[in-house]
Amino acid sequence: MMDLLSDILGTLGVAAGLISYFLVQKGVLSATGGTYLITNVIAPLLIIFSLLIHWNFPAFLLEAAWASISIYGIYKHLYLPRRHS
C-alpha cells in the first residue's frame, strides 16, 4: 500500500513540476510568480516522499536542492525589496 501511495505522489510531483515549467516556457506563468514558486516547492516534496520509500540519494539531493532554491525564491518574492528600473 505504501509503495502505491509513494508512486502516485511521486508521479504527481513530477507531473506538477513539468507542467508548471512548460507553462512558464509558454508564457502562461511567470517564473517569479507565486503559483510557479509554490509548485516548485510542492513538486519536489512529493518526489522526496516517494524517494523515502524507494531511496535514491542523487535524486534526493536534486529534489532537496530544487525545493530549497524555490523556498529562497518565495522568500525573495515576499520579503526582499523590489528594485524599480
C-alpha atoms as a PDB file:
ATOM      1  CA  MET A   1       0.000   0.000   0.000  1.00  0.00           C
ATOM      2  CA  MET A   2       2.795   2.422   0.886  1.00  0.00           C
ATOM      3  CA  ASP A   3       4.569   1.585  -2.397  1.00  0.00           C
ATOM      4  CA  LEU A   4       1.480   2.522  -4.386  1.00  0.00           C
ATOM      5  CA  LEU A   5       0.987   5.761  -2.442  1.00  0.00           C
ATOM      6  CA  SER A   6       4.620   6.760  -2.921  1.00  0.00           C
ATOM      7  CA  ASP A   7       4.412   6.029  -6.649  1.00  0.00           C
ATOM      8  CA  ILE A   8       1.227   8.085  -7.003  1.00  0.00           C
ATOM      9  CA  LEU A   9       2.580  11.056  -5.027  1.00  0.00           C
ATOM     10  CA  GLY A  10       5.944  10.933  -6.790  1.00  0.00           C
ATOM     11  CA  THR A  11       4.235  10.844 -10.178  1.00  0.00           C
ATOM     12  CA  LEU A  12       2.006  13.771  -9.197  1.00  0.00           C
ATOM     13  CA  GLY A  13       5.129  15.688  -8.155  1.00  0.00           C
ATOM     14  CA  VAL A  14       6.847  15.010 -11.471  1.00  0.00           C
ATOM     15  CA  ALA A  15       3.708  15.998 -13.404  1.00  0.00           C
ATOM     16  CA  ALA A  16       3.246  19.204 -11.392  1.00  0.00           C
ATOM     17  CA  GLY A  17       6.869  20.222 -11.876  1.00  0.00           C
ATOM     18  CA  LEU A  18       6.890  19.505 -15.599  1.00  0.00           C
ATOM     19  CA  ILE A  19       3.543  21.165 -16.256  1.00  0.00           C
ATOM     20  CA  SER A  20       4.487  24.308 -14.342  1.00  0.00           C
ATOM     21  CA  TYR A  21       7.831  24.518 -16.156  1.00  0.00           C
ATOM     22  CA  PHE A  22       6.066  24.071 -19.508  1.00  0.00           C
ATOM     23  CA  LEU A  23       3.590  26.827 -18.607  1.00  0.00           C
ATOM     24  CA  VAL A  24       6.481  29.168 -17.813  1.00  0.00           C
ATOM     25  CA  GLN A  25       8.045  28.390 -21.195  1.00  0.00           C
ATOM     26  CA  LYS A  26       4.715  29.127 -22.916  1.00  0.00           C
ATOM     27  CA  GLY A  27       4.398  32.415 -21.033  1.00  0.00           C
ATOM     28  CA  VAL A  28       1.264  31.358 -19.139  1.00  0.00           C
ATOM     29  CA  LEU A  29       3.038  31.516 -15.761  1.00  0.00           C
ATOM     30  CA  SER A  30       5.755  33.880 -14.593  1.00  0.00           C
ATOM     31  CA  ALA A  31       8.989  32.303 -13.359  1.00  0.00           C
ATOM     32  CA  THR A  32       8.842  34.693 -10.399  1.00  0.00           C
ATOM     33  CA  GLY A  33       5.111  34.367  -9.776  1.00  0.00           C
ATOM     34  CA  GLY A  34       3.592  32.792  -6.722  1.00  0.00           C
ATOM     35  CA  THR A  35       1.940  29.848  -8.495  1.00  0.00           C
ATOM     36  CA  TYR A  36       5.184  28.729 -10.089  1.00  0.00           C
ATOM     37  CA  LEU A  37       7.202  29.215  -6.913  1.00  0.00           C
ATOM     38  CA  ILE A  38       4.732  27.273  -4.751  1.00  0.00           C
ATOM     39  CA  THR A  39       4.525  24.478  -7.314  1.00  0.00           C
ATOM     40  CA  ASN A  40       8.310  24.292  -7.303  1.00  0.00           C
ATOM     41  CA  VAL A  41       8.258  23.594  -3.579  1.00  0.00           C
ATOM     42  CA  ILE A  42       5.352  21.151  -3.580  1.00  0.00           C
ATOM     43  CA  ALA A  43       6.531  19.086  -6.570  1.00  0.00           C
ATOM     44  CA  PRO A  44       9.951  18.147  -5.161  1.00  0.00           C
ATOM     45  CA  LEU A  45       8.456  17.476  -1.720  1.00  0.00           C
ATOM     46  CA  LEU A  46       6.086  14.953  -3.290  1.00  0.00           C
ATOM     47  CA  ILE A  47       9.003  13.364  -5.115  1.00  0.00           C
ATOM     48  CA  ILE A  48      11.053  13.300  -1.895  1.00  0.00           C
ATOM     49  CA  PHE A  49       8.202  11.440  -0.180  1.00  0.00           C
ATOM     50  CA  SER A  50       8.393   8.885  -2.986  1.00  0.00           C
ATOM     51  CA  LEU A  51      12.162   8.670  -2.543  1.00  0.00           C
ATOM     52  CA  LEU A  52      11.789   7.879   1.154  1.00  0.00           C
ATOM     53  CA  ILE A  53      10.097   4.631   0.089  1.00  0.00           C
ATOM     54  CA  HIS A  54      12.276   3.971  -2.998  1.00  0.00           C
ATOM     55  CA  TRP A  55      15.569   5.515  -1.871  1.00  0.00           C
ATOM     56  CA  ASN A  56      17.846   7.144  -4.429  1.00  0.00           C
ATOM     57  CA  PHE A  57      20.379   9.508  -2.879  1.00  0.00           C
ATOM     58  CA  PRO A  58      21.306  11.529  -6.011  1.00  0.00           C
ATOM     59  CA  ALA A  59      17.622  12.089  -6.822  1.00  0.00           C
ATOM     60  CA  PHE A  60      17.015  13.115  -3.207  1.00  0.00           C
ATOM     61  CA  LEU A  61      19.836  15.688  -3.421  1.00  0.00           C
ATOM     62  CA  LEU A  62      18.413  17.107  -6.638  1.00  0.00           C
ATOM     63  CA  GLU A  63      14.891  17.426  -5.246  1.00  0.00           C
ATOM     64  CA  ALA A  64      16.096  18.857  -1.918  1.00  0.00           C
ATOM     65  CA  ALA A  65      18.155  21.467  -3.795  1.00  0.00           C
ATOM     66  CA  TRP A  66      15.204  22.284  -6.091  1.00  0.00           C
ATOM     67  CA  ALA A  67      12.885  22.774  -3.094  1.00  0.00           C
ATOM     68  CA  SER A  68      15.489  24.856  -1.227  1.00  0.00           C
ATOM     69  CA  ILE A  69      16.082  27.160  -4.184  1.00  0.00           C
ATOM     70  CA  SER A  70      12.330  27.568  -4.605  1.00  0.00           C
ATOM     71  CA  ILE A  71      11.914  28.410  -0.922  1.00  0.00           C
ATOM     72  CA  TYR A  72      14.542  31.125  -1.397  1.00  0.00           C
ATOM     73  CA  GLY A  73      12.591  32.364  -4.428  1.00  0.00           C
ATOM     74  CA  ILE A  74       9.431  32.598  -2.329  1.00  0.00           C
ATOM     75  CA  TYR A  75      11.309  34.441   0.411  1.00  0.00           C
ATOM     76  CA  LYS A  76      12.786  36.829  -2.148  1.00  0.00           C
ATOM     77  CA  HIS A  77       9.376  37.355  -3.755  1.00  0.00           C
ATOM     78  CA  LEU A  78       7.670  38.095  -0.431  1.00  0.00           C
ATOM     79  CA  TYR A  79      10.254  39.845   1.720  1.00  0.00           C
ATOM     80  CA  LEU A  80      13.080  41.405  -0.235  1.00  0.00           C
ATOM     81  CA  PRO A  81      12.501  44.918  -1.554  1.00  0.00           C
ATOM     82  CA  ARG A  82      11.906  45.192  -5.270  1.00  0.00           C
ATOM     83  CA  ARG A  83      14.129  47.463  -7.307  1.00  0.00           C
ATOM     84  CA  HIS A  84      12.425  49.679  -9.807  1.00  0.00           C
ATOM     85  CA  SER A  85      14.208  50.332 -13.095  1.00  0.00           C
END
